[in-house]
């Protein structure tokens, strides 16, 4: 149906709606520069990547961490580190803004964070896990451990964590992509803490 076939009233409404939904230009978003981002106070959140094999997933989690002002990303085990073009492809420069550290041992990172007062969640399907829909985050710094795309979070790391957090699923697949999971978890935390 062509626009001239709509009543004038419908045309006015549709023009008003579309006018209010103008896509913003990048220059209108008010984003921080990398330098400004590095000096801004970060949320009390750390991400721990436990043997994440895909550099595209690592890059995506850098980009999500930038969006949610994550304090530090810990890249552990076989997780690739910047600089690498496959990370940059999905991070789109966020690997330069987000503070990150490499450690061979995920377990050592988890223990260190706990000693610093972090409550550490393994994001994993496990006996005794807490459903994301029922979570009440503690009032202390939080670390989220994101696992390998095939094997998930290592059992020795799960054993050390304070709790497991699980995202409910309804379909046939047994898990979400780790980078997608990261986005859901950080958004839920931000929403819960009204950050």
Protein backbone atom coordinates (compact mmCIF):
# COMPACT_ATOMS: atom_id res chain seq x y z
CA UNK A 1 0.00 0.00 0.00
CA UNK A 2 1.45 3.39 -0.96
CA UNK A 3 1.59 6.34 1.45
CA UNK A 4 -0.95 8.30 -0.58
CA UNK A 5 -3.52 5.59 0.16
CA UNK A 6 -3.37 6.25 3.94
CA UNK A 7 -5.64 8.80 5.53
CA UNK A 8 -4.04 12.18 6.30
CA UNK A 9 -4.30 11.41 10.04
CA UNK A 10 -2.33 8.15 9.69
CA UNK A 11 0.24 9.93 7.52
CA UNK A 12 0.73 12.61 10.21
CA UNK A 13 1.18 9.98 12.94
CA UNK A 14 3.62 7.92 10.90
CA UNK A 15 5.65 11.02 9.98
CA UNK A 16 5.78 12.03 13.65
CA UNK A 17 6.88 8.56 14.78
CA UNK A 18 9.58 8.29 12.14
CA UNK A 19 10.80 11.80 12.89
CA UNK A 20 11.22 10.88 16.58
CA UNK A 21 13.17 7.75 15.70
CA UNK A 22 15.99 9.37 13.76
CA UNK A 23 19.16 7.36 14.05
CA UNK A 24 21.85 9.27 15.93
CA UNK A 25 25.16 10.02 14.31
CA UNK A 26 28.30 8.75 16.01
CA UNK A 27 29.24 12.33 16.86
CA UNK A 28 25.92 12.77 18.73
CA UNK A 29 26.44 9.82 21.09
CA UNK A 30 28.64 11.70 23.53
CA UNK A 31 31.13 8.84 23.88
CA UNK A 32 34.35 9.18 25.82
CA UNK A 33 37.74 9.25 24.18
CA UNK A 34 40.08 6.39 25.08
CA UNK A 35 42.05 8.77 27.32
CA UNK A 36 38.91 10.00 29.10
CA UNK A 37 37.64 6.43 29.48
CA UNK A 38 40.85 5.35 31.18
CA UNK A 39 40.50 8.09 33.81
CA UNK A 40 36.79 7.53 34.53
CA UNK A 41 35.86 5.58 37.67
CA UNK A 42 34.94 2.02 36.70
CA UNK A 43 32.24 -0.20 38.13
CA UNK A 44 33.42 -2.71 40.75
CA UNK A 45 33.29 -5.54 38.19
CA UNK A 46 35.99 -7.76 36.76
CA UNK A 47 35.71 -10.34 34.02
CA UNK A 48 37.83 -13.47 34.15
CA UNK A 49 38.12 -15.35 30.85
CA UNK A 50 38.91 -19.01 31.53
CA UNK A 51 40.55 -20.49 28.42
CA UNK A 52 38.31 -18.72 25.90
CA UNK A 53 39.56 -19.97 22.53
CA UNK A 54 37.90 -17.63 20.01
CA UNK A 55 39.62 -14.30 19.50
CA UNK A 56 36.34 -12.95 18.10
CA UNK A 57 34.66 -13.76 21.41
CA UNK A 58 37.53 -12.14 23.33
CA UNK A 59 37.16 -9.01 21.19
CA UNK A 60 33.41 -8.93 21.70
CA UNK A 61 33.86 -9.14 25.46
CA UNK A 62 36.35 -6.27 25.33
CA UNK A 63 33.74 -4.19 23.51
CA UNK A 64 31.01 -5.13 26.02
CA UNK A 65 33.37 -4.43 28.93
CA UNK A 66 34.02 -0.97 27.52
CA UNK A 67 30.27 -0.32 27.29
CA UNK A 68 29.73 -1.32 30.94
CA UNK A 69 32.86 0.31 32.46
CA UNK A 70 34.35 -2.99 33.61
CA UNK A 71 37.34 -2.40 35.86
CA UNK A 72 39.63 -5.19 34.57
CA UNK A 73 39.51 -8.16 32.22
CA UNK A 74 41.72 -11.09 33.19
CA UNK A 75 42.72 -13.21 30.21
CA UNK A 76 43.72 -16.67 31.44
CA UNK A 77 45.19 -19.87 30.06
CA UNK A 78 44.82 -20.18 26.29
CA UNK A 79 42.82 -16.95 26.02
CA UNK A 80 44.47 -14.77 23.38
CA UNK A 81 45.73 -11.31 24.27
CA UNK A 82 45.90 -8.07 22.32
CA UNK A 83 47.28 -6.91 20.07
CA UNK A 84 45.84 -9.23 17.47
CA UNK A 85 43.78 -8.35 14.39
CA UNK A 86 41.16 -11.03 15.18
CA UNK A 87 40.54 -9.45 18.60
CA UNK A 88 40.50 -5.94 17.14
CA UNK A 89 37.99 -7.03 14.48
CA UNK A 90 35.24 -7.38 17.10
CA UNK A 91 36.64 -5.16 19.87
CA UNK A 92 36.81 -2.22 17.46
CA UNK A 93 39.48 -0.57 19.61
CA UNK A 94 38.04 -1.45 23.04
CA UNK A 95 41.13 -3.56 23.71
CA UNK A 96 42.93 -0.21 24.00
CA UNK A 97 40.46 1.31 26.48
CA UNK A 98 39.72 -1.60 28.84
CA UNK A 99 42.40 -2.49 31.37
CA UNK A 100 43.43 -6.13 31.00
CA UNK A 101 45.96 -8.52 32.48
CA UNK A 102 47.15 -11.97 31.46
CA UNK A 103 47.62 -14.86 33.88
CA UNK A 104 48.25 -18.48 32.99
CA UNK A 105 46.15 -19.66 35.94
CA UNK A 106 42.46 -18.79 36.21
CA UNK A 107 42.45 -20.35 39.66
CA UNK A 108 45.19 -17.99 40.88
CA UNK A 109 43.24 -14.98 39.56
CA UNK A 110 40.03 -16.11 41.31
CA UNK A 111 41.86 -16.61 44.62
CA UNK A 112 43.55 -13.22 44.33
CA UNK A 113 40.25 -11.46 43.58
CA UNK A 114 38.61 -13.13 46.58
CA UNK A 115 41.47 -11.96 48.81
CA UNK A 116 40.75 -8.44 47.52
CA UNK A 117 37.09 -8.73 48.59
CA UNK A 118 35.46 -9.75 45.31
CA UNK A 119 32.49 -12.11 45.23
CA UNK A 120 33.26 -14.43 42.31
CA UNK A 121 30.57 -16.03 40.16
CA UNK A 122 31.29 -18.80 37.68
CA UNK A 123 28.84 -18.38 34.81
CA UNK A 124 27.98 -22.03 34.39
CA UNK A 125 25.26 -24.64 34.40
CA UNK A 126 25.94 -26.53 37.61
CA UNK A 127 24.26 -28.22 40.53
CA UNK A 128 23.29 -25.56 43.02
CA UNK A 129 23.61 -22.69 40.53
CA UNK A 130 21.56 -19.54 41.01
CA UNK A 131 19.24 -18.61 38.15
CA UNK A 132 19.82 -15.18 36.66
CA UNK A 133 16.12 -14.46 37.12
CA UNK A 134 16.48 -14.93 40.91
CA UNK A 135 19.85 -13.30 41.51
CA UNK A 136 20.40 -10.72 44.22
CA UNK A 137 23.92 -9.41 43.83
CA UNK A 138 25.88 -8.80 47.02
CA UNK A 139 26.99 -5.29 47.92
CA UNK A 140 30.66 -5.88 47.21
CA UNK A 141 32.89 -5.99 44.15
CA UNK A 142 31.93 -8.74 41.68
CA UNK A 143 33.92 -10.91 39.31
CA UNK A 144 32.31 -13.03 36.61
CA UNK A 145 34.22 -16.03 35.26
CA UNK A 146 33.38 -16.78 31.62
CA UNK A 147 34.33 -20.25 30.38
CA UNK A 148 35.66 -22.00 27.33
CA UNK A 149 33.25 -22.30 24.39
CA UNK A 150 33.22 -26.12 24.54
CA UNK A 151 34.14 -27.09 28.11
CA UNK A 152 32.80 -24.11 30.04
CA UNK A 153 34.40 -23.01 33.30
CA UNK A 154 36.99 -25.47 34.63
CA UNK A 155 35.76 -27.57 37.58
CA UNK A 156 38.66 -26.50 39.82
CA UNK A 157 37.69 -22.88 39.18
CA UNK A 158 34.01 -23.61 39.90
CA UNK A 159 35.07 -25.24 43.18
CA UNK A 160 36.87 -22.02 44.19
CA UNK A 161 34.12 -19.59 43.16
CA UNK A 162 31.61 -18.24 45.66
CA UNK A 163 28.65 -19.27 43.50
CA UNK A 164 27.55 -20.32 40.02
CA UNK A 165 25.19 -18.14 38.05
CA UNK A 166 23.08 -19.70 35.29
CA UNK A 167 21.03 -18.09 32.53
CA UNK A 168 17.70 -19.89 31.98
CA UNK A 169 17.20 -21.26 28.47
CA UNK A 170 14.16 -22.57 26.64
CA UNK A 171 15.42 -24.02 23.36
CA UNK A 172 17.30 -27.13 22.29
CA UNK A 173 20.87 -25.82 22.57
CA UNK A 174 22.67 -26.37 25.84
CA UNK A 175 24.42 -23.01 26.06
CA UNK A 176 24.71 -19.46 24.82
CA UNK A 177 27.76 -18.09 23.03
CA UNK A 178 30.20 -16.87 25.70
CA UNK A 179 30.30 -13.31 24.36
CA UNK A 180 26.49 -13.16 24.26
CA UNK A 181 26.43 -14.51 27.82
CA UNK A 182 28.84 -11.79 28.89
CA UNK A 183 26.53 -9.11 27.51
CA UNK A 184 23.48 -10.57 29.23
CA UNK A 185 25.26 -10.88 32.58
CA UNK A 186 26.70 -7.36 32.53
CA UNK A 187 23.37 -5.86 31.44
CA UNK A 188 21.55 -7.70 34.22
CA UNK A 189 24.07 -6.48 36.81
CA UNK A 190 23.82 -2.91 35.53
CA UNK A 191 20.03 -3.06 35.63
CA UNK A 192 19.96 -4.59 39.12
CA UNK A 193 22.37 -1.99 40.51
CA UNK A 194 20.70 0.81 38.51
CA UNK A 195 24.08 1.90 37.22
